[in-house]
């Protein structure tokens, strides 16, 4: 397996680069991708809100944004794309949802990686598939079901 994860820290955050690497590898393995590069950028609420407005036309910061890379057909690159994760939103959600912060970080990385692989949750059937994959990957990593009510 050759998964390269570049972590860019615009803000300091709890997880280590090794955590991000491990979580991304687990998600990509589940998606049957064993050769890829991706960037995970940790940002503040201002940057998250600006990107959310620019690309999704939604106001405010959000937990994770996924930007898949689509190379032209004649270009062979293993670049999967970028994840932009807002540290403050992840920390706030973990607290509000009474979840371990590290577990919520892992969920955001797995969730974002699955989006980079083309999974989505717009339609109920697709959401069921994506959530089942997330649960399976997170359990393999030692975390509980993120969708289970506490």
Protein backbone atom coordinates (compact mmCIF):
# COMPACT_ATOMS: atom_id res chain seq x y z
CA UNK A 1 0.00 0.00 0.00
CA UNK A 2 1.34 3.40 -0.96
CA UNK A 3 -0.85 6.08 0.55
CA UNK A 4 0.78 9.48 0.92
CA UNK A 5 -0.96 11.94 3.23
CA UNK A 6 0.28 15.52 3.36
CA UNK A 7 -1.00 17.28 6.48
CA UNK A 8 -1.11 21.07 6.38
CA UNK A 9 -1.75 22.74 9.71
CA UNK A 10 -3.11 26.26 9.52
CA UNK A 11 -4.17 25.67 13.13
CA UNK A 12 -2.86 23.37 15.81
CA UNK A 13 -5.07 20.37 16.40
CA UNK A 14 -5.11 17.23 18.51
CA UNK A 15 -4.40 14.40 16.03
CA UNK A 16 -0.88 13.57 14.96
CA UNK A 17 0.23 13.20 11.35
CA UNK A 18 0.44 9.45 12.05
CA UNK A 19 -3.22 9.45 13.13
CA UNK A 20 -4.24 11.11 9.86
CA UNK A 21 -2.14 8.63 7.88
CA UNK A 22 -3.66 5.62 9.67
CA UNK A 23 -7.23 6.85 9.28
CA UNK A 24 -6.80 7.70 5.59
CA UNK A 25 -5.16 4.34 4.87
CA UNK A 26 -8.04 2.48 6.53
CA UNK A 27 -10.67 4.43 4.57
CA UNK A 28 -8.90 4.03 1.25
CA UNK A 29 -8.31 0.34 1.82
CA UNK A 30 -12.05 -0.09 2.43
CA UNK A 31 -12.66 1.75 -0.83
CA UNK A 32 -10.21 -0.61 -2.54
CA UNK A 33 -7.69 2.11 -3.26
CA UNK A 34 -4.12 1.22 -2.33
CA UNK A 35 -2.14 3.83 -4.22
CA UNK A 36 -3.04 7.47 -3.70
CA UNK A 37 -1.93 10.86 -2.49
CA UNK A 38 -4.11 13.32 -0.63
CA UNK A 39 -3.78 16.47 1.38
CA UNK A 40 -5.51 17.11 4.68
CA UNK A 41 -5.59 20.78 5.58
CA UNK A 42 -6.58 21.81 9.10
CA UNK A 43 -8.15 25.26 9.12
CA UNK A 44 -9.88 27.80 11.31
CA UNK A 45 -13.55 28.76 11.07
CA UNK A 46 -12.89 31.76 8.81
CA UNK A 47 -11.17 29.67 6.13
CA UNK A 48 -13.74 26.88 6.41
CA UNK A 49 -16.62 29.35 6.10
CA UNK A 50 -15.04 31.05 3.08
CA UNK A 51 -14.50 27.73 1.28
CA UNK A 52 -17.98 26.49 2.23
CA UNK A 53 -19.51 29.66 0.78
CA UNK A 54 -17.35 29.61 -2.36
CA UNK A 55 -17.77 25.95 -3.26
CA UNK A 56 -21.03 24.83 -1.65
CA UNK A 57 -22.84 28.18 -1.46
CA UNK A 58 -23.56 27.59 2.21
CA UNK A 59 -22.91 29.98 5.06
CA UNK A 60 -20.66 29.23 7.99
CA UNK A 61 -17.87 26.84 8.80
CA UNK A 62 -18.38 23.09 8.38
CA UNK A 63 -16.57 20.04 9.73
CA UNK A 64 -15.04 18.64 6.52
CA UNK A 65 -14.95 19.63 2.88
CA UNK A 66 -13.78 17.19 0.21
CA UNK A 67 -12.23 18.30 -3.06
CA UNK A 68 -11.68 15.33 -5.38
CA UNK A 69 -8.95 15.76 -7.99
CA UNK A 70 -9.97 14.87 -11.51
CA UNK A 71 -6.97 14.63 -13.80
CA UNK A 72 -7.35 14.89 -17.56
CA UNK A 73 -7.53 11.44 -19.17
CA UNK A 74 -4.02 11.71 -20.59
CA UNK A 75 -2.46 12.55 -17.20
CA UNK A 76 -1.66 9.68 -14.86
CA UNK A 77 -1.51 10.87 -11.27
CA UNK A 78 -2.33 9.13 -8.02
CA UNK A 79 -3.60 12.39 -6.58
CA UNK A 80 -6.94 11.69 -4.94
CA UNK A 81 -7.73 15.21 -3.74
CA UNK A 82 -7.88 17.41 -0.67
CA UNK A 83 -9.75 17.36 2.62
CA UNK A 84 -10.22 20.61 4.49
CA UNK A 85 -11.15 20.04 8.13
CA UNK A 86 -12.16 22.81 10.51
CA UNK A 87 -10.56 22.00 13.85
CA UNK A 88 -12.90 24.19 15.89
CA UNK A 89 -16.04 22.67 14.37
CA UNK A 90 -14.76 19.12 14.92
CA UNK A 91 -13.89 19.91 18.55
CA UNK A 92 -17.25 21.61 19.11
CA UNK A 93 -19.24 18.76 17.54
CA UNK A 94 -17.39 16.14 19.56
CA UNK A 95 -18.28 17.99 22.75
CA UNK A 96 -21.91 18.61 21.73
CA UNK A 97 -22.38 14.99 20.64
CA UNK A 98 -20.62 13.65 23.73
CA UNK A 99 -18.01 11.82 21.63
CA UNK A 100 -14.31 11.34 22.18
CA UNK A 101 -12.62 14.08 20.18
CA UNK A 102 -10.08 11.75 18.57
CA UNK A 103 -12.89 9.41 17.47
CA UNK A 104 -14.72 12.33 15.84
CA UNK A 105 -11.52 13.39 14.05
CA UNK A 106 -11.15 9.83 12.75
CA UNK A 107 -14.76 9.90 11.54
CA UNK A 108 -14.24 13.17 9.67
CA UNK A 109 -11.15 11.80 7.90
CA UNK A 110 -12.84 8.52 6.98
CA UNK A 111 -15.98 10.37 5.85
CA UNK A 112 -13.97 12.82 3.76
CA UNK A 113 -11.82 10.09 2.19
CA UNK A 114 -14.93 8.18 1.14
CA UNK A 115 -16.20 11.35 -0.55
CA UNK A 116 -12.88 11.59 -2.40
CA UNK A 117 -13.48 8.04 -3.60
CA UNK A 118 -16.87 9.04 -4.99
CA UNK A 119 -19.20 7.96 -2.19
CA UNK A 120 -22.01 10.31 -1.26
CA UNK A 121 -25.00 10.58 1.06
CA UNK A 122 -27.45 12.69 -0.89
CA UNK A 123 -29.82 9.81 -1.64
CA UNK A 124 -30.93 7.58 1.26
CA UNK A 125 -29.64 4.38 -0.38
CA UNK A 126 -26.21 5.95 -1.00
CA UNK A 127 -26.17 7.29 2.55
CA UNK A 128 -26.81 3.80 3.91
CA UNK A 129 -23.89 2.40 1.91
CA UNK A 130 -21.54 5.20 2.92
CA UNK A 131 -22.50 5.07 6.60
CA UNK A 132 -22.05 1.29 6.70
CA UNK A 133 -18.55 1.69 5.28
CA UNK A 134 -17.73 4.42 7.79
CA UNK A 135 -18.95 2.30 10.69
CA UNK A 136 -16.95 -0.71 9.50
CA UNK A 137 -13.72 1.27 9.01
CA UNK A 138 -14.07 3.07 12.33
CA UNK A 139 -14.73 -0.18 14.17
CA UNK A 140 -11.61 -1.69 12.56
CA UNK A 141 -9.72 1.32 13.91
CA UNK A 142 -11.14 0.71 17.39
CA UNK A 143 -13.82 3.42 17.43
CA UNK A 144 -17.53 2.99 18.05
CA UNK A 145 -20.36 3.62 15.61
CA UNK A 146 -20.44 7.40 15.09
CA UNK A 147 -24.13 7.32 14.22
CA UNK A 148 -25.22 5.55 17.41
CA UNK A 149 -27.08 7.82 19.78
CA UNK A 150 -25.35 8.20 23.12
